[in-house]
Amino acid sequence: MNAMKVFIASPLGFAESSRLFLPKLRERLQELGWEPVDPWASSMDLEEELRQADSLAGPLDRRRELHRFSMRIAERNASLLRSCGRVLAVLDGPDVDSGTASEIGYAFGLGMRIDGYRGDFRRGGENDGVVIDLQVQYWIEQSGGKIVRSLEEMDALFQSRERE
């Protein structure tokens, strides 16, 4: 694991409205001396392959090719995550994105530090004692990580923590 690399776990690449936030996160982490690893940017080369698989006429062929393609993306993301020393998970939304939650759990299993960013002011946890889903918050806190509520807090967190 490379302690200077930080994996950005997020659902931000799904929507045009949130895609613009990814470069901002990457830039801020770079300015703080980290090497951000963005799985969305790392999969841009596969877009044409996805279009081809999705355009197959036969439903069985399309399903088989989309499954193969999806497993390639998942393996690439797992490999990228294993190459990092730390995770920054974007936790915005009414509930933590399932893929992001999965990456948090996998990173915890690898023994990585996981920090969360939640700039969303809506309540996301089961009760007032948690900011997000209690199990996801547990993995983050048990990893030694913290959930921050602003970019300024994120900057301070990544500035002050040792780079392991």
Protein backbone atom coordinates (compact mmCIF):
# COMPACT_ATOMS: atom_id res chain seq x y z
CA MET A 1 0.00 0.00 0.00
CA ASN A 2 1.19 3.47 -0.81
CA ALA A 3 0.49 5.74 2.16
CA MET A 4 0.66 8.89 0.01
CA LYS A 5 -2.21 7.72 -2.21
CA VAL A 6 -5.79 8.37 -1.15
CA PHE A 7 -8.69 6.55 -2.84
CA ILE A 8 -11.77 8.72 -3.38
CA ALA A 9 -14.82 6.50 -2.81
CA SER A 10 -17.89 8.28 -4.12
CA PRO A 11 -21.03 8.18 -6.25
CA LEU A 12 -20.06 11.55 -7.78
CA GLY A 13 -19.41 10.20 -11.28
CA PHE A 14 -23.00 9.11 -11.88
CA ALA A 15 -24.55 12.55 -12.36
CA GLU A 16 -23.47 15.57 -14.35
CA SER A 17 -24.42 17.78 -11.38
CA SER A 18 -21.97 16.06 -9.03
CA ARG A 19 -19.17 15.20 -11.49
CA LEU A 20 -17.90 18.77 -11.22
CA PHE A 21 -17.07 18.23 -7.54
CA LEU A 22 -14.54 15.44 -8.19
CA PRO A 23 -11.83 17.67 -9.70
CA LYS A 24 -12.22 20.01 -6.73
CA LEU A 25 -11.58 17.16 -4.27
CA ARG A 26 -8.61 15.88 -6.29
CA GLU A 27 -7.09 19.37 -6.48
CA ARG A 28 -7.45 20.00 -2.75
CA LEU A 29 -5.86 16.66 -1.86
CA GLN A 30 -2.98 17.32 -4.28
CA GLU A 31 -2.39 20.73 -2.73
CA LEU A 32 -2.07 18.99 0.66
CA GLY A 33 0.59 16.63 -0.68
CA TRP A 34 -1.55 13.56 -1.36
CA GLU A 35 -1.93 11.62 -4.60
CA PRO A 36 -5.69 11.25 -5.15
CA VAL A 37 -6.87 8.07 -6.86
CA ASP A 38 -10.25 8.63 -8.51
CA PRO A 39 -11.82 5.40 -9.81
CA TRP A 40 -14.15 7.41 -12.04
CA ALA A 41 -11.25 9.02 -13.89
CA SER A 42 -9.47 5.67 -14.01
CA SER A 43 -12.34 4.05 -15.93
CA MET A 44 -12.81 6.67 -18.64
CA ASP A 45 -10.98 4.43 -21.13
CA LEU A 46 -13.76 1.83 -20.87
CA GLU A 47 -16.69 4.04 -21.93
CA GLU A 48 -16.65 2.86 -25.56
CA GLU A 49 -16.57 -0.77 -24.43
CA LEU A 50 -19.63 -0.12 -22.27
CA ARG A 51 -21.51 1.46 -25.19
CA GLN A 52 -20.69 -1.52 -27.40
CA ALA A 53 -21.82 -4.04 -24.78
CA ASP A 54 -25.00 -2.10 -24.09
CA SER A 55 -25.86 -1.90 -27.80
CA LEU A 56 -25.86 -5.66 -28.44
CA ALA A 57 -29.19 -6.72 -29.88
CA GLY A 58 -29.64 -10.05 -28.11
CA PRO A 59 -30.65 -9.70 -24.44
CA LEU A 60 -28.58 -12.73 -23.36
CA ASP A 61 -25.46 -11.49 -25.19
CA ARG A 62 -25.99 -7.98 -23.82
CA ARG A 63 -26.42 -9.27 -20.26
CA ARG A 64 -23.32 -11.51 -20.54
CA GLU A 65 -21.14 -8.69 -21.94
CA LEU A 66 -22.43 -6.14 -19.43
CA HIS A 67 -21.67 -8.58 -16.62
CA ARG A 68 -18.14 -9.13 -17.95
CA PHE A 69 -17.65 -5.38 -18.29
CA SER A 70 -19.02 -4.72 -14.78
CA MET A 71 -16.66 -7.28 -13.24
CA ARG A 72 -13.71 -5.61 -15.02
CA ILE A 73 -14.69 -2.25 -13.50
CA ALA A 74 -15.10 -3.81 -10.04
CA GLU A 75 -11.72 -5.57 -10.21
CA ARG A 76 -10.03 -2.37 -11.40
CA ASN A 77 -11.57 -0.43 -8.50
CA ALA A 78 -10.49 -3.12 -6.01
CA SER A 79 -6.95 -3.00 -7.39
CA LEU A 80 -6.87 0.80 -7.20
CA LEU A 81 -8.12 0.69 -3.63
CA ARG A 82 -5.45 -1.85 -2.64
CA SER A 83 -2.78 0.46 -4.10
CA CYS A 84 -3.70 3.25 -1.68
CA GLY A 85 -2.92 3.90 1.96
CA ARG A 86 -6.04 5.82 2.86
CA VAL A 87 -9.65 6.41 1.77
CA LEU A 88 -11.73 9.55 1.53
CA ALA A 89 -15.40 8.54 1.24
CA VAL A 90 -17.99 11.04 0.01
CA LEU A 91 -21.08 10.42 2.15
CA ASP A 92 -23.56 12.94 0.72
CA GLY A 93 -27.12 11.97 -0.12
CA PRO A 94 -30.11 10.73 1.85
CA ASP A 95 -28.22 7.47 2.39
CA VAL A 96 -24.61 6.44 1.76
CA ASP A 97 -24.23 5.12 -1.79
CA SER A 98 -24.08 1.31 -1.82
CA GLY A 99 -20.85 1.20 -3.86
CA THR A 100 -19.20 3.71 -1.54
CA ALA A 101 -20.34 1.70 1.50
CA SER A 102 -18.91 -1.43 -0.10
CA GLU A 103 -15.55 0.28 -0.70
CA ILE A 104 -15.55 1.47 2.93
CA GLY A 105 -16.11 -2.09 4.15
CA TYR A 106 -13.42 -3.48 1.85
CA ALA A 107 -10.93 -0.80 2.94
CA PHE A 108 -11.69 -1.55 6.59
CA GLY A 109 -11.03 -5.24 5.92
CA LEU A 110 -7.66 -4.26 4.43
CA GLY A 111 -6.82 -2.30 7.59
CA MET A 112 -6.89 1.11 5.93
CA ARG A 113 -7.75 4.45 7.51
CA ILE A 114 -11.06 5.74 6.17
CA ASP A 115 -12.20 9.34 6.46
CA GLY A 116 -15.59 10.61 5.39
CA TYR A 117 -16.75 13.90 3.92
CA ARG A 118 -20.42 14.81 4.37
CA GLY A 119 -21.23 18.31 3.22
CA ASP A 120 -24.92 17.38 3.00
CA PHE A 121 -26.87 18.99 5.87
CA ARG A 122 -29.71 16.45 5.79
CA ARG A 123 -29.96 13.85 8.53
CA GLY A 124 -28.46 10.61 7.26
CA GLY A 125 -28.30 8.36 10.32
CA GLU A 126 -30.79 6.27 12.23
CA ASN A 127 -30.74 8.60 15.24
CA ASP A 128 -29.15 11.80 16.57
CA GLY A 129 -26.09 9.87 17.73
CA VAL A 130 -24.82 9.15 14.21
CA VAL A 131 -24.26 11.33 11.15
CA ILE A 132 -24.79 8.52 8.60
CA ASP A 133 -25.77 4.85 8.62
CA LEU A 134 -24.53 3.52 11.95
CA GLN A 135 -22.64 0.57 10.46
CA VAL A 136 -20.80 2.74 7.91
CA GLN A 137 -19.93 5.26 10.61
CA TYR A 138 -18.67 2.42 12.79
CA TRP A 139 -16.24 1.21 10.07
CA ILE A 140 -14.94 4.75 9.58
CA GLU A 141 -14.41 5.42 13.28
CA GLN A 142 -12.94 1.97 13.97
CA SER A 143 -10.40 2.57 11.20
CA GLY A 144 -9.16 5.61 13.12
CA GLY A 145 -10.92 7.92 10.68
CA LYS A 146 -13.27 10.79 11.13
CA ILE A 147 -16.30 12.26 9.36
CA VAL A 148 -15.96 15.94 8.48
CA ARG A 149 -18.76 18.30 7.45
CA SER A 150 -16.93 20.86 5.27
CA LEU A 151 -14.07 21.11 2.81
CA GLU A 152 -12.18 23.26 5.30
CA GLU A 153 -12.44 20.49 7.91
CA MET A 154 -11.31 18.00 5.28
CA ASP A 155 -8.29 20.16 4.49
CA ALA A 156 -7.35 20.30 8.17
CA LEU A 157 -7.81 16.54 8.55
CA PHE A 158 -5.56 15.69 5.62
CA GLN A 159 -3.03 18.33 6.63
CA SER A 160 -2.75 17.24 10.25
CA ARG A 161 -2.75 13.45 9.95
CA GLU A 162 0.46 11.56 9.44
CA ARG A 163 0.84 10.06 6.01
CA GLU A 164 1.57 6.67 7.59
